[in-house]
Amino acid sequence: MDASARRYGGGHRLIRHNLFTARFMRQYYERIDHQLGDQAFLEVMLHIALDDGVLHLNDIRLMSEYSRTLQRKGGPRRLLAGSNRAGR
């Protein structure tokens, strides 16, 4: 999604950061696996929300922890970039 950023700078968001791109990615990855297509769609939408300032990394961390709790997934995990927790 951000490959055109080098060429267009901040204007790349006008080209790739939209619902059309999210739908395209869903269709592309659905050929591999239906769930993968849904995951790709959600990740594109999260990427757009992050870039637009609608969400922040702390919001995604919270959603991740909540999802892991609901799915009863425990154990070590890698934190997202920008974490201010030392030693992990």
C-alpha atoms as a PDB file:
ATOM      1  CA  MET A   1       0.000   0.000   0.000  1.00  0.00           C
ATOM      2  CA  ASP A   2       2.789   2.404   0.765  1.00  0.00           C
ATOM      3  CA  ALA A   3       4.993   1.500  -2.207  1.00  0.00           C
ATOM      4  CA  SER A   4       3.940   4.672  -4.019  1.00  0.00           C
ATOM      5  CA  ALA A   5       4.893   6.852  -1.015  1.00  0.00           C
ATOM      6  CA  ARG A   6       8.414   7.307  -2.313  1.00  0.00           C
ATOM      7  CA  ARG A   7       7.133   8.696  -5.570  1.00  0.00           C
ATOM      8  CA  TYR A   8       4.081  10.657  -4.380  1.00  0.00           C
ATOM      9  CA  GLY A   9       4.947  11.449  -0.761  1.00  0.00           C
ATOM     10  CA  GLY A  10       1.945  11.999   1.480  1.00  0.00           C
ATOM     11  CA  GLY A  11      -0.248  12.112  -1.623  1.00  0.00           C
ATOM     12  CA  HIS A  12       0.089   8.341  -1.988  1.00  0.00           C
ATOM     13  CA  ARG A  13      -2.789   8.043   0.459  1.00  0.00           C
ATOM     14  CA  LEU A  14      -5.107   9.475  -2.197  1.00  0.00           C
ATOM     15  CA  ILE A  15      -4.142   6.632  -4.543  1.00  0.00           C
ATOM     16  CA  ARG A  16      -3.997   3.529  -2.343  1.00  0.00           C
ATOM     17  CA  HIS A  17      -5.682   4.266   0.985  1.00  0.00           C
ATOM     18  CA  ASN A  18      -9.302   3.585   0.143  1.00  0.00           C
ATOM     19  CA  LEU A  19     -12.043   0.977   0.175  1.00  0.00           C
ATOM     20  CA  PHE A  20     -11.184  -0.107  -3.385  1.00  0.00           C
ATOM     21  CA  THR A  21      -7.711  -1.199  -2.251  1.00  0.00           C
ATOM     22  CA  ALA A  22      -9.153  -3.054   0.756  1.00  0.00           C
ATOM     23  CA  ARG A  23     -11.591  -4.937  -1.494  1.00  0.00           C
ATOM     24  CA  PHE A  24      -8.852  -5.687  -4.022  1.00  0.00           C
ATOM     25  CA  MET A  25      -6.624  -7.155  -1.296  1.00  0.00           C
ATOM     26  CA  ARG A  26      -9.506  -9.283  -0.008  1.00  0.00           C
ATOM     27  CA  GLN A  27     -10.160 -10.696  -3.480  1.00  0.00           C
ATOM     28  CA  TYR A  28      -6.456 -11.268  -4.118  1.00  0.00           C
ATOM     29  CA  TYR A  29      -5.863 -13.201  -0.894  1.00  0.00           C
ATOM     30  CA  GLU A  30      -9.198 -15.061  -1.020  1.00  0.00           C
ATOM     31  CA  ARG A  31      -7.724 -17.065  -3.900  1.00  0.00           C
ATOM     32  CA  ILE A  32      -5.321 -18.546  -1.372  1.00  0.00           C
ATOM     33  CA  ASP A  33      -7.741 -18.898   1.528  1.00  0.00           C
ATOM     34  CA  HIS A  34     -11.093 -17.313   2.359  1.00  0.00           C
ATOM     35  CA  GLN A  35     -10.053 -16.395   5.918  1.00  0.00           C
ATOM     36  CA  LEU A  36      -6.821 -14.908   4.608  1.00  0.00           C
ATOM     37  CA  GLY A  37      -8.870 -12.615   2.364  1.00  0.00           C
ATOM     38  CA  ASP A  38     -10.913 -11.416   5.323  1.00  0.00           C
ATOM     39  CA  GLN A  39      -7.731 -10.868   7.338  1.00  0.00           C
ATOM     40  CA  ALA A  40      -6.162  -8.858   4.503  1.00  0.00           C
ATOM     41  CA  PHE A  41      -9.253  -6.640   4.285  1.00  0.00           C
ATOM     42  CA  LEU A  42      -9.162  -5.927   8.012  1.00  0.00           C
ATOM     43  CA  GLU A  43      -5.438  -5.193   7.977  1.00  0.00           C
ATOM     44  CA  VAL A  44      -5.815  -2.719   5.112  1.00  0.00           C
ATOM     45  CA  MET A  45      -8.629  -0.957   6.956  1.00  0.00           C
ATOM     46  CA  LEU A  46      -6.502  -0.806  10.130  1.00  0.00           C
ATOM     47  CA  HIS A  47      -3.587   0.588   8.129  1.00  0.00           C
ATOM     48  CA  ILE A  48      -5.812   3.338   6.725  1.00  0.00           C
ATOM     49  CA  ALA A  49      -7.239   4.137  10.167  1.00  0.00           C
ATOM     50  CA  LEU A  50      -3.717   4.366  11.629  1.00  0.00           C
ATOM     51  CA  ASP A  51      -2.489   6.654   8.848  1.00  0.00           C
ATOM     52  CA  ASP A  52      -5.536   8.893   9.181  1.00  0.00           C
ATOM     53  CA  GLY A  53      -5.131   9.136  12.950  1.00  0.00           C
ATOM     54  CA  VAL A  54      -8.459   7.434  13.674  1.00  0.00           C
ATOM     55  CA  LEU A  55      -6.609   4.710  15.603  1.00  0.00           C
ATOM     56  CA  HIS A  56      -3.294   4.695  17.420  1.00  0.00           C
ATOM     57  CA  LEU A  57      -0.863   1.876  18.234  1.00  0.00           C
ATOM     58  CA  ASN A  58      -2.129   1.759  21.812  1.00  0.00           C
ATOM     59  CA  ASP A  59      -5.639   1.087  20.481  1.00  0.00           C
ATOM     60  CA  ILE A  60      -4.362  -1.837  18.442  1.00  0.00           C
ATOM     61  CA  ARG A  61      -2.370  -3.190  21.393  1.00  0.00           C
ATOM     62  CA  LEU A  62      -5.533  -3.110  23.488  1.00  0.00           C
ATOM     63  CA  MET A  63      -7.537  -4.877  20.758  1.00  0.00           C
ATOM     64  CA  SER A  64      -4.783  -7.479  20.443  1.00  0.00           C
ATOM     65  CA  GLU A  65      -4.775  -8.206  24.165  1.00  0.00           C
ATOM     66  CA  TYR A  66      -8.561  -8.402  24.220  1.00  0.00           C
ATOM     67  CA  SER A  67      -8.602 -10.802  21.238  1.00  0.00           C
ATOM     68  CA  ARG A  68      -5.951 -13.012  22.816  1.00  0.00           C
ATOM     69  CA  THR A  69      -8.006 -13.161  26.017  1.00  0.00           C
ATOM     70  CA  LEU A  70     -11.205 -14.057  24.155  1.00  0.00           C
ATOM     71  CA  GLN A  71      -9.417 -16.719  22.105  1.00  0.00           C
ATOM     72  CA  ARG A  72      -7.615 -17.993  25.216  1.00  0.00           C
ATOM     73  CA  LYS A  73      -4.209 -17.642  23.585  1.00  0.00           C
ATOM     74  CA  GLY A  74      -1.465 -17.229  26.110  1.00  0.00           C
ATOM     75  CA  GLY A  75       2.281 -17.319  26.140  1.00  0.00           C
ATOM     76  CA  PRO A  76       4.931 -14.927  24.893  1.00  0.00           C
ATOM     77  CA  ARG A  77       4.328 -12.646  21.947  1.00  0.00           C
ATOM     78  CA  ARG A  78       6.182  -9.901  20.144  1.00  0.00           C
ATOM     79  CA  LEU A  79       4.979  -6.395  20.874  1.00  0.00           C
ATOM     80  CA  LEU A  80       4.205  -3.932  18.137  1.00  0.00           C
ATOM     81  CA  ALA A  81       6.900  -1.438  17.199  1.00  0.00           C
ATOM     82  CA  GLY A  82       7.030   1.672  19.285  1.00  0.00           C
ATOM     83  CA  SER A  83       6.400  -0.088  22.560  1.00  0.00           C
ATOM     84  CA  ASN A  84       7.681   1.648  25.640  1.00  0.00           C
ATOM     85  CA  ARG A  85       7.867  -1.562  27.656  1.00  0.00           C
ATOM     86  CA  ALA A  86      11.481  -2.518  28.277  1.00  0.00           C
ATOM     87  CA  GLY A  87      12.780  -6.046  28.016  1.00  0.00           C
ATOM     88  CA  ARG A  88      10.168  -7.515  25.674  1.00  0.00           C
END
